[in-house]
Amino acid sequence: MSRIGTPICDFVQAYGKKDAARLHMPGHKGTAFLGCEALDITEIAGADELYQPDGIIAESEKNARQLFGAGKTVYGTEGSSQCIRAMLFLALQSAKAKKTEGRPAVLAGRNAHKAFHYACALLDLEVEWLLPEQESLLCTCPITPEQVEKRLAELAEKPIAVYITAPDYLGYRPDIRRLAEVCRAAGVPLLVDNAHGAYLKFLTPSEHPVDLGAAMTCDSAHKTLPVLTGGAYLQLSTEWAEQMGGEAKKAMELFGSTSPSYLILQSLDCFNRYAAEGYPRKLAETVKTLEHLREALRQRGWEVMESDPLRLTLLAAKMGYTGREIAERLRNGGVECEFADGEAVVLMATPENRPEDFRRVLDALDGIEPCPALLPLHVPAVLPERKMTIRQAVFAGREEIPCDAAVGRVCAMPCVSCPPAVPIVAGGEVITEEMLPLFRAYGVERVDVVKF
């Protein structure tokens, strides 16, 4: 591939050198309060427009599309949440164009991020939930192609999409290639929340969901790539780019601010060159380092969950500790983890980590003696009764009450913080006694319920 340029970065750098009187937004006028203000501009002449690009942003997105090999790659500056809403909207519009009968619904893995729940409320989508065939933790939802095939055959009305989270917060990934084949045979697009897997494109061979057959994905660039927080991609396969590519920007604009961050856009733009100039090699080296670290921890008695290549998930409960206890041990050793709960602790690495970061992990965990395993806290194996749609519940009158008093009431809003942002109960569902231990485990003391 020829050398990739950085048109957005080049424009902003050149603008800064003009020393122009900034009689436009933003209000800091380039004055250095934090140090980045000189690079923070708005959609002035020549800077292009994110949702109607015909200049430097269009050129940069074209560079990104070539790198990812997608049919269409669209920048987002408001994280994967914006992209999740957009791809569900595109799937809904496609279904409407085909005059699909019945109320629109999505067949989705139960461990969907709460942004998915909010998107379904905004778009008035029903959700048919996929539960794992075996007991599982809140953050993960192992589903099989055979399970999806069976559910699709059972549904009276074809859903507008199948929606899965992969990798999930613990790093689990189902067989996306086979899932995509099942969905294609049923005439239903596979949508993947790939927020934690933008880097998968740059493995050899690529493990990105679009390359494995997914119709669309949301990729949080900032989670695993050297991109500022909020940077994201909406990715469309070649087939879906031909079908709905012309609507992709409109879908993003529907859910996005008219004042996108040019700091984030420059960060996305800058990654294009970085990716083309050795990033895959650095990534491969980091993957090997993580493999060695996992093996070293297994040798010390730790149970390390199978996960995506840049994640280290320790099942602390198997060693007799909560994930939070191990996270505190790591913190005392100078290591801050990504996520910890009662069962597991999750560390996320990238090529930007230093070798000493991984040594600190081993040092911090050195000398921990195993204790009797803690009993894992599984999600209920049966879906709760649904009294209302997600939209009806979210927009209903509601009140906040203690969780213990909420048994038998209808949940109004998802109530788990981020991370992990996987709701224990969906809007419109009846809160049950079996949910109370999960509420307590995740520090949820009060819950929004539909007001009588």
Protein backbone atom coordinates (compact mmCIF):
# COMPACT_ATOMS: atom_id res chain seq x y z
CA MET A 1 0.00 0.00 0.00
CA SER A 2 1.30 3.45 -0.89
CA ARG A 3 2.08 5.87 1.92
CA ILE A 4 -1.11 7.00 3.61
CA GLY A 5 -1.58 10.70 4.25
CA THR A 6 -3.18 12.50 7.18
CA PRO A 7 -5.30 15.21 5.54
CA ILE A 8 -7.21 16.24 8.66
CA CYS A 9 -4.07 16.59 10.76
CA ASP A 10 -2.29 18.45 7.95
CA PHE A 11 -5.13 20.98 7.61
CA VAL A 12 -5.29 21.72 11.34
CA GLN A 13 -1.52 22.09 11.62
CA ALA A 14 -1.48 24.49 8.68
CA TYR A 15 -4.38 26.48 10.12
CA GLY A 16 -2.55 26.84 13.42
CA LYS A 17 0.50 28.28 11.68
CA LYS A 18 -1.61 31.04 10.07
CA ASP A 19 -2.12 32.71 13.46
CA ALA A 20 -5.63 33.66 12.29
CA ALA A 21 -8.03 35.66 14.42
CA ARG A 22 -10.34 32.85 15.54
CA LEU A 23 -13.70 34.55 15.38
CA HIS A 24 -15.45 31.19 15.34
CA MET A 25 -16.18 28.40 17.79
CA PRO A 26 -14.84 26.96 20.09
CA GLY A 27 -14.71 29.59 22.79
CA HIS A 28 -11.13 28.98 23.93
CA LYS A 29 -9.88 30.55 20.63
CA GLY A 30 -6.82 28.32 20.63
CA THR A 31 -5.57 29.58 24.00
CA ALA A 32 -3.73 26.84 25.84
CA PHE A 33 -5.62 25.97 29.02
CA LEU A 34 -5.02 22.22 28.69
CA GLY A 35 -2.41 22.41 25.94
CA CYS A 36 -4.43 20.92 23.08
CA GLU A 37 -6.62 23.92 22.28
CA ALA A 38 -4.63 25.11 19.25
CA LEU A 39 -5.58 21.85 17.51
CA ASP A 40 -9.23 22.02 18.54
CA ILE A 41 -11.29 23.63 15.79
CA THR A 42 -14.78 23.48 14.35
CA GLU A 43 -16.12 22.99 10.83
CA ILE A 44 -14.57 26.11 9.34
CA ALA A 45 -13.91 26.59 5.62
CA GLY A 46 -11.65 23.80 4.37
CA ALA A 47 -12.15 21.63 7.45
CA ASP A 48 -14.94 19.62 5.78
CA GLU A 49 -18.10 18.39 7.54
CA LEU A 50 -18.28 15.02 9.26
CA TYR A 51 -21.78 14.14 8.09
CA GLN A 52 -21.52 15.66 4.59
CA PRO A 53 -17.83 15.18 3.77
CA ASP A 54 -16.39 16.07 0.39
CA GLY A 55 -12.87 17.09 1.38
CA ILE A 56 -10.30 16.11 3.99
CA ILE A 57 -12.66 13.99 6.09
CA ALA A 58 -13.86 12.11 3.01
CA GLU A 59 -10.22 11.49 2.04
CA SER A 60 -9.33 10.28 5.54
CA GLU A 61 -12.33 7.95 5.73
CA LYS A 62 -11.34 6.55 2.33
CA ASN A 63 -7.88 5.81 3.77
CA ALA A 64 -9.49 4.06 6.74
CA ARG A 65 -11.77 2.03 4.48
CA GLN A 66 -8.75 0.81 2.50
CA LEU A 67 -6.98 -0.19 5.72
CA PHE A 68 -9.98 -2.10 7.06
CA GLY A 69 -10.98 -3.51 3.68
CA ALA A 70 -14.62 -2.74 4.43
CA GLY A 71 -17.28 -1.75 1.94
CA LYS A 72 -17.68 1.51 3.85
CA THR A 73 -15.98 2.95 6.93
CA VAL A 74 -17.56 5.93 8.69
CA TYR A 75 -15.94 7.95 11.46
CA GLY A 76 -17.71 8.55 14.75
CA THR A 77 -16.64 10.89 17.54
CA GLU A 78 -19.14 9.70 20.16
CA GLY A 79 -17.98 6.16 20.72
CA SER A 80 -19.59 2.88 19.73
CA SER A 81 -22.89 3.97 21.27
CA GLN A 82 -23.50 6.26 18.29
CA CYS A 83 -22.50 3.48 15.87
CA ILE A 84 -24.76 0.92 17.58
CA ARG A 85 -27.76 3.20 17.09
CA ALA A 86 -26.78 3.87 13.50
CA MET A 87 -26.38 0.24 12.44
CA LEU A 88 -29.68 -0.75 14.06
CA PHE A 89 -31.32 2.16 12.25
CA LEU A 90 -29.84 0.99 8.94
CA ALA A 91 -31.05 -2.57 9.54
CA LEU A 92 -34.51 -1.22 10.35
CA GLN A 93 -34.58 0.94 7.21
CA SER A 94 -33.51 -2.02 5.09
CA ALA A 95 -36.27 -4.18 6.55
CA LYS A 96 -38.86 -1.47 5.93
CA ALA A 97 -37.68 -1.13 2.33
CA LYS A 98 -38.40 -4.84 1.91
CA LYS A 99 -41.86 -4.29 3.45
CA THR A 100 -41.23 -6.76 6.25
CA GLU A 101 -44.49 -7.59 8.01
CA GLY A 102 -45.06 -7.37 11.76
CA ARG A 103 -43.43 -5.41 14.54
CA PRO A 104 -39.66 -5.00 13.97
CA ALA A 105 -37.55 -7.08 16.33
CA VAL A 106 -33.90 -7.96 16.87
CA LEU A 107 -32.59 -11.35 17.97
CA ALA A 108 -29.84 -10.42 20.43
CA GLY A 109 -27.41 -11.96 22.88
CA ARG A 110 -28.46 -11.19 26.45
CA ASN A 111 -25.12 -9.57 27.33
CA ALA A 112 -25.77 -6.55 25.11
CA HIS A 113 -24.42 -3.20 26.31
CA LYS A 114 -27.01 -0.80 27.69
CA ALA A 115 -26.42 1.41 24.63
CA PHE A 116 -28.20 -1.34 22.68
CA HIS A 117 -31.16 -1.14 25.06
CA TYR A 118 -31.37 2.64 24.63
CA ALA A 119 -31.14 2.27 20.85
CA CYS A 120 -34.05 -0.19 20.89
CA ALA A 121 -36.05 2.28 22.99
CA LEU A 122 -35.35 5.12 20.55
CA LEU A 123 -36.13 3.02 17.47
CA ASP A 124 -39.05 1.17 19.10
CA LEU A 125 -37.57 -2.26 18.45
CA GLU A 126 -38.69 -5.44 20.13
CA VAL A 127 -35.92 -7.73 21.38
CA GLU A 128 -35.95 -11.51 21.26
CA TRP A 129 -33.21 -12.48 23.69
CA LEU A 130 -30.69 -15.26 23.20
CA LEU A 131 -29.67 -16.92 26.46
CA PRO A 132 -26.58 -19.12 26.75
CA GLU A 133 -27.28 -22.86 26.75
CA GLN A 134 -25.18 -23.25 29.90
CA GLU A 135 -24.86 -21.17 33.06
CA SER A 136 -22.83 -18.01 32.47
CA LEU A 137 -21.65 -14.83 34.11
CA LEU A 138 -23.38 -11.50 33.53
CA CYS A 139 -20.82 -10.19 31.04
CA THR A 140 -20.66 -13.17 28.75
CA CYS A 141 -23.22 -15.02 26.64
CA PRO A 142 -21.84 -18.09 24.84
CA ILE A 143 -24.18 -18.83 21.96
CA THR A 144 -23.81 -21.27 19.09
CA PRO A 145 -24.69 -21.09 15.40
CA GLU A 146 -27.03 -24.05 15.90
CA GLN A 147 -28.85 -22.18 18.66
CA VAL A 148 -29.30 -19.10 16.46
CA GLU A 149 -30.42 -21.23 13.50
CA LYS A 150 -33.05 -22.92 15.69
CA ARG A 151 -34.37 -19.61 17.08
CA LEU A 152 -34.59 -18.04 13.64
CA ALA A 153 -36.62 -21.00 12.43
CA GLU A 154 -38.96 -20.76 15.45
CA LEU A 155 -39.77 -17.06 15.16
CA ALA A 156 -43.06 -16.30 13.46
CA GLU A 157 -41.65 -13.08 12.01
CA LYS A 158 -38.15 -12.69 10.63
CA PRO A 159 -36.10 -10.27 12.81
CA ILE A 160 -34.48 -7.25 11.20
CA ALA A 161 -31.09 -8.51 12.45
CA VAL A 162 -29.17 -10.84 14.72
CA TYR A 163 -27.06 -8.85 17.19
CA ILE A 164 -24.12 -10.17 19.20
CA THR A 165 -21.33 -8.72 21.33
CA ALA A 166 -17.90 -10.03 20.34
CA PRO A 167 -15.49 -9.76 21.99
CA ASP A 168 -17.53 -9.30 25.15
CA TYR A 169 -16.15 -7.74 28.34
CA LEU A 170 -14.45 -10.98 29.37
CA GLY A 171 -13.06 -11.51 25.87
CA TYR A 172 -15.31 -14.34 24.72
CA ARG A 173 -16.08 -14.59 21.00
CA PRO A 174 -18.54 -17.02 19.41
CA ASP A 175 -17.99 -18.58 15.98
CA ILE A 176 -18.75 -15.46 13.94
CA ARG A 177 -18.03 -17.07 10.59
CA ARG A 178 -20.60 -19.81 11.17
CA LEU A 179 -23.07 -17.36 12.71
CA ALA A 180 -22.77 -15.19 9.61
CA GLU A 181 -23.45 -18.22 7.39
CA VAL A 182 -26.56 -19.07 9.41
CA CYS A 183 -27.80 -15.49 9.21
CA ARG A 184 -27.14 -15.26 5.48
CA ALA A 185 -29.07 -18.49 4.86
CA ALA A 186 -32.00 -17.03 6.79
CA GLY A 187 -31.81 -13.70 4.95
CA VAL A 188 -31.01 -11.78 8.16
CA PRO A 189 -27.97 -9.49 8.65
CA LEU A 190 -25.51 -10.21 11.45
CA LEU A 191 -24.62 -7.09 13.43
CA VAL A 192 -21.64 -7.25 15.78
CA ASP A 193 -20.84 -4.98 18.69
CA ASN A 194 -17.11 -5.11 18.04
CA ALA A 195 -16.35 -2.23 20.37
CA HIS A 196 -13.49 -4.16 21.96
CA GLY A 197 -12.10 -5.57 18.72
CA ALA A 198 -11.14 -2.85 16.24
CA TYR A 199 -7.57 -4.21 16.29
CA LEU A 200 -8.70 -7.65 15.08
CA LYS A 201 -8.40 -6.42 11.49
CA PHE A 202 -4.63 -6.14 11.88
CA LEU A 203 -3.99 -9.72 12.98
CA THR A 204 -2.68 -12.20 10.40
CA PRO A 205 -5.07 -13.41 9.18
CA SER A 206 -7.69 -10.82 9.98
CA GLU A 207 -10.25 -11.79 12.63
CA HIS A 208 -12.42 -8.71 12.13
CA PRO A 209 -16.16 -9.62 12.08
CA VAL A 210 -16.72 -7.99 8.66
CA ASP A 211 -14.02 -10.21 7.20
CA LEU A 212 -15.76 -13.19 8.82
CA GLY A 213 -19.11 -12.35 7.23
CA ALA A 214 -20.83 -9.80 9.47
CA ALA A 215 -23.01 -7.22 7.70
CA MET A 216 -22.11 -4.31 10.00
CA THR A 217 -20.04 -3.63 13.10
CA CYS A 218 -19.38 -0.84 15.53
CA ASP A 219 -15.68 -0.54 16.41
CA SER A 220 -14.48 1.58 19.32
CA ALA A 221 -11.16 2.77 17.97
CA HIS A 222 -10.26 4.26 21.32
CA LYS A 223 -10.60 1.00 23.27
CA THR A 224 -7.80 -0.94 21.57
CA LEU A 225 -6.14 1.44 19.10
CA PRO A 226 -4.07 4.57 19.86
CA VAL A 227 -7.04 6.89 19.30
CA LEU A 228 -8.56 9.48 21.63
CA THR A 229 -11.57 8.51 23.72
CA GLY A 230 -14.75 8.72 21.65
CA GLY A 231 -13.14 7.75 18.35
CA ALA A 232 -15.09 4.99 16.62
CA TYR A 233 -15.93 3.41 13.28
CA LEU A 234 -19.17 2.21 11.74
CA GLN A 235 -18.11 -0.57 9.36
CA LEU A 236 -20.28 -1.93 6.54
CA SER A 237 -19.52 -5.00 4.47
CA THR A 238 -19.28 -4.61 0.70
CA GLU A 239 -22.80 -6.00 0.28
CA TRP A 240 -24.26 -3.67 2.88
CA ALA A 241 -22.30 -0.70 1.60
CA GLU A 242 -23.94 -1.25 -1.78
CA GLN A 243 -27.34 -1.61 -0.17
CA MET A 244 -27.28 1.02 2.60
CA GLY A 245 -23.98 2.88 2.28
CA GLY A 246 -25.68 6.01 1.03
CA GLU A 247 -27.68 6.18 4.26
CA ALA A 248 -24.79 5.56 6.66
CA LYS A 249 -23.85 9.19 7.21
CA LYS A 250 -27.49 10.15 7.70
CA ALA A 251 -27.84 7.39 10.28
CA MET A 252 -24.79 8.66 12.19
CA GLU A 253 -26.01 12.25 11.98
CA LEU A 254 -29.39 11.25 13.37
CA PHE A 255 -27.73 10.22 16.64
CA GLY A 256 -24.70 12.52 16.67
CA SER A 257 -23.78 16.03 17.67
CA THR A 258 -23.46 18.73 15.01
CA SER A 259 -20.22 19.72 16.75
CA PRO A 260 -17.91 16.72 16.31
CA SER A 261 -14.56 16.84 18.07
CA TYR A 262 -11.75 17.67 15.67
CA LEU A 263 -9.25 16.39 18.21
CA ILE A 264 -10.87 12.95 17.88
CA LEU A 265 -11.05 13.24 14.09
CA GLN A 266 -7.34 14.05 13.95
CA SER A 267 -6.65 11.05 16.16
CA LEU A 268 -8.56 8.74 13.80
CA ASP A 269 -6.78 10.33 10.86
CA CYS A 270 -3.37 9.89 12.49
CA PHE A 271 -3.99 6.20 13.14
CA ASN A 272 -4.33 5.54 9.40
CA ARG A 273 -0.67 6.34 8.83
CA TYR A 274 0.39 4.52 12.00
CA ALA A 275 -1.52 1.40 10.93
CA ALA A 276 0.16 1.42 7.52
CA GLU A 277 3.66 1.86 8.93
CA GLY A 278 4.30 -1.16 11.11
CA TYR A 279 1.33 -1.45 13.47
CA PRO A 280 0.55 -5.10 12.49
CA ARG A 281 4.12 -6.10 13.40
CA LYS A 282 3.91 -4.35 16.78
CA LEU A 283 0.52 -5.95 17.38
CA ALA A 284 1.88 -9.44 16.64
CA GLU A 285 4.70 -8.88 19.13
CA THR A 286 2.26 -7.78 21.82
CA VAL A 287 0.03 -10.80 21.17
CA LYS A 288 3.04 -13.06 21.74
CA THR A 289 3.90 -11.20 24.94
CA LEU A 290 0.35 -11.74 26.21
CA GLU A 291 0.54 -15.43 25.34
CA HIS A 292 3.71 -15.76 27.44
CA LEU A 293 2.11 -13.81 30.30
CA ARG A 294 -0.97 -16.04 30.30
CA GLU A 295 1.19 -19.16 30.35
CA ALA A 296 3.32 -17.79 33.20
CA LEU A 297 0.17 -17.13 35.22
CA ARG A 298 -1.23 -20.58 34.47
CA GLN A 299 2.03 -22.06 35.74
CA ARG A 300 1.41 -20.20 39.00
CA GLY A 301 -2.02 -21.75 39.37
CA TRP A 302 -4.22 -19.05 37.87
CA GLU A 303 -7.19 -19.96 35.70
CA VAL A 304 -6.95 -17.72 32.66
CA MET A 305 -10.06 -17.49 30.53
CA GLU A 306 -9.79 -18.04 26.79
CA SER A 307 -10.22 -14.59 25.30
CA ASP A 308 -9.38 -12.31 22.42
CA PRO A 309 -5.62 -11.87 21.93
CA LEU A 310 -5.18 -8.49 23.68
CA ARG A 311 -7.10 -9.32 26.83
CA LEU A 312 -6.02 -11.06 30.02
CA THR A 313 -9.01 -12.34 32.01
CA LEU A 314 -8.24 -13.98 35.34
CA LEU A 315 -11.02 -16.01 36.94
CA ALA A 316 -10.12 -14.87 40.44
CA ALA A 317 -13.00 -16.75 42.09
CA LYS A 318 -11.34 -20.03 41.06
CA MET A 319 -8.39 -19.00 43.26
CA GLY A 320 -10.67 -18.15 46.18
CA TYR A 321 -10.65 -14.36 45.69
CA THR A 322 -13.02 -11.83 44.20
CA GLY A 323 -11.90 -9.99 41.11
CA ARG A 324 -12.05 -6.75 43.10
CA GLU A 325 -9.60 -8.14 45.68
CA ILE A 326 -7.15 -9.07 42.94
CA ALA A 327 -7.65 -5.68 41.30
CA GLU A 328 -6.68 -4.01 44.57
CA ARG A 329 -3.59 -6.21 44.79
CA LEU A 330 -2.66 -5.16 41.24
CA ARG A 331 -3.33 -1.50 42.04
CA ASN A 332 -0.96 -1.69 45.00
CA GLY A 333 1.63 -3.04 42.58
CA GLY A 334 1.22 -0.12 40.19
CA VAL A 335 -1.20 -1.81 37.77
CA GLU A 336 -4.67 -0.43 37.04
CA CYS A 337 -7.00 -3.00 35.50
CA GLU A 338 -9.84 -2.40 33.04
CA PHE A 339 -12.57 -4.16 34.99
CA ALA A 340 -13.15 -6.28 38.07
CA ASP A 341 -16.23 -7.85 39.63
CA GLY A 342 -16.91 -10.67 42.03
CA GLU A 343 -15.61 -13.37 39.70
CA ALA A 344 -13.00 -11.98 37.34
CA VAL A 345 -10.44 -9.29 36.71
CA VAL A 346 -9.80 -8.02 33.16
CA LEU A 347 -6.63 -6.38 31.86
CA MET A 348 -6.45 -4.95 28.35
CA ALA A 349 -3.13 -4.46 26.58
CA THR A 350 -2.03 -2.82 23.31
CA PRO A 351 1.30 -2.32 21.55
CA GLU A 352 1.53 1.00 23.39
CA ASN A 353 2.11 -0.80 26.70
CA ARG A 354 5.69 -0.96 27.97
CA PRO A 355 7.44 -4.29 28.74
CA GLU A 356 7.62 -3.25 32.39
CA ASP A 357 3.81 -3.09 32.50
CA PHE A 358 3.64 -6.86 32.05
CA ARG A 359 6.44 -7.47 34.58
CA ARG A 360 4.44 -5.48 37.11
CA VAL A 361 1.48 -7.82 36.65
CA LEU A 362 3.60 -10.86 37.52
CA ASP A 363 5.25 -9.08 40.43
CA ALA A 364 1.92 -7.87 41.84
CA LEU A 365 0.41 -11.36 41.73
CA ASP A 366 3.51 -13.10 43.06
CA GLY A 367 2.98 -15.04 46.25
CA ILE A 368 -0.81 -15.19 46.19
CA GLU A 369 -1.81 -18.52 47.66
CA PRO A 370 -4.90 -20.34 46.34
CA CYS A 371 -7.90 -20.66 48.64
CA PRO A 372 -11.11 -22.65 48.29
CA ALA A 373 -12.91 -21.50 45.16
CA LEU A 374 -15.75 -19.03 45.51
CA LEU A 375 -19.12 -19.97 44.09
CA PRO A 376 -19.73 -18.04 40.86
CA LEU A 377 -22.76 -15.76 40.59
CA HIS A 378 -24.63 -16.77 37.45
CA VAL A 379 -27.41 -14.90 35.70
CA PRO A 380 -30.91 -16.45 35.98
CA ALA A 381 -31.31 -19.25 33.46
CA VAL A 382 -34.86 -18.19 32.58
CA LEU A 383 -35.91 -14.85 31.14
CA PRO A 384 -38.14 -12.75 33.40
CA GLU A 385 -41.71 -11.96 32.45
CA ARG A 386 -42.02 -9.07 30.02
CA LYS A 387 -44.85 -6.64 30.69
CA MET A 388 -43.94 -3.78 28.34
CA THR A 389 -41.68 -3.03 25.40
CA ILE A 390 -38.32 -1.45 26.15
CA ARG A 391 -39.55 1.81 24.63
CA GLN A 392 -42.73 1.86 26.71
CA ALA A 393 -40.76 1.22 29.89
CA VAL A 394 -38.00 3.74 29.23
CA PHE A 395 -40.45 6.53 28.41
CA ALA A 396 -43.02 5.66 31.08
CA GLY A 397 -43.42 7.53 34.31
CA ARG A 398 -40.95 6.04 36.76
CA GLU A 399 -39.70 6.16 40.30
CA GLU A 400 -36.44 5.11 41.93
CA ILE A 401 -36.77 2.66 44.81
CA PRO A 402 -34.46 0.30 46.76
CA CYS A 403 -33.76 -2.96 44.93
CA ASP A 404 -35.19 -5.06 47.75
CA ALA A 405 -38.51 -3.24 47.35
CA ALA A 406 -38.52 -3.67 43.57
CA VAL A 407 -39.30 -7.40 43.38
CA GLY A 408 -42.43 -7.80 41.30
CA ARG A 409 -42.14 -4.32 39.80
CA VAL A 410 -41.44 -3.53 36.13
CA CYS A 411 -37.95 -2.22 35.35
CA ALA A 412 -37.94 1.15 33.61
CA MET A 413 -34.27 1.87 32.83
CA PRO A 414 -31.14 -0.31 32.70
CA CYS A 415 -29.27 0.16 35.94
CA VAL A 416 -25.71 -1.19 35.80
CA SER A 417 -22.83 1.26 35.62
CA CYS A 418 -20.14 1.18 32.94
CA PRO A 419 -18.14 -1.01 33.13
CA PRO A 420 -19.60 -3.52 32.46
CA ALA A 421 -22.83 -1.72 31.34
CA VAL A 422 -24.61 -5.07 30.83
CA PRO A 423 -28.07 -4.67 32.37
CA ILE A 424 -29.22 -7.29 34.86
CA VAL A 425 -32.80 -6.70 33.77
CA ALA A 426 -34.15 -5.06 30.63
CA GLY A 427 -36.71 -2.29 30.52
CA GLY A 428 -40.23 -3.69 30.60
CA GLU A 429 -39.25 -6.88 32.44
CA VAL A 430 -40.42 -7.86 35.93
CA ILE A 431 -37.71 -7.74 38.59
CA THR A 432 -37.40 -11.07 40.39
CA GLU A 433 -35.93 -12.30 43.66
CA GLU A 434 -33.18 -14.11 41.72
CA MET A 435 -31.83 -10.76 40.50
CA LEU A 436 -31.15 -9.33 43.96
CA PRO A 437 -27.76 -11.04 44.46
CA LEU A 438 -26.61 -9.64 41.10
CA PHE A 439 -27.77 -6.14 42.05
CA ARG A 440 -25.79 -6.38 45.29
CA ALA A 441 -22.73 -7.83 43.55
CA TYR A 442 -22.57 -4.88 41.14
CA GLY A 443 -23.24 -2.23 43.75
CA VAL A 444 -26.75 -1.42 42.52
CA GLU A 445 -28.75 -0.24 45.53
CA ARG A 446 -31.66 1.47 43.81
CA VAL A 447 -33.49 0.82 40.58
CA ASP A 448 -35.87 2.76 38.33
CA VAL A 449 -39.25 1.07 38.05
CA VAL A 450 -42.39 1.98 36.15
CA LYS A 451 -44.62 4.12 38.32
CA PHE A 452 -48.10 2.80 39.07
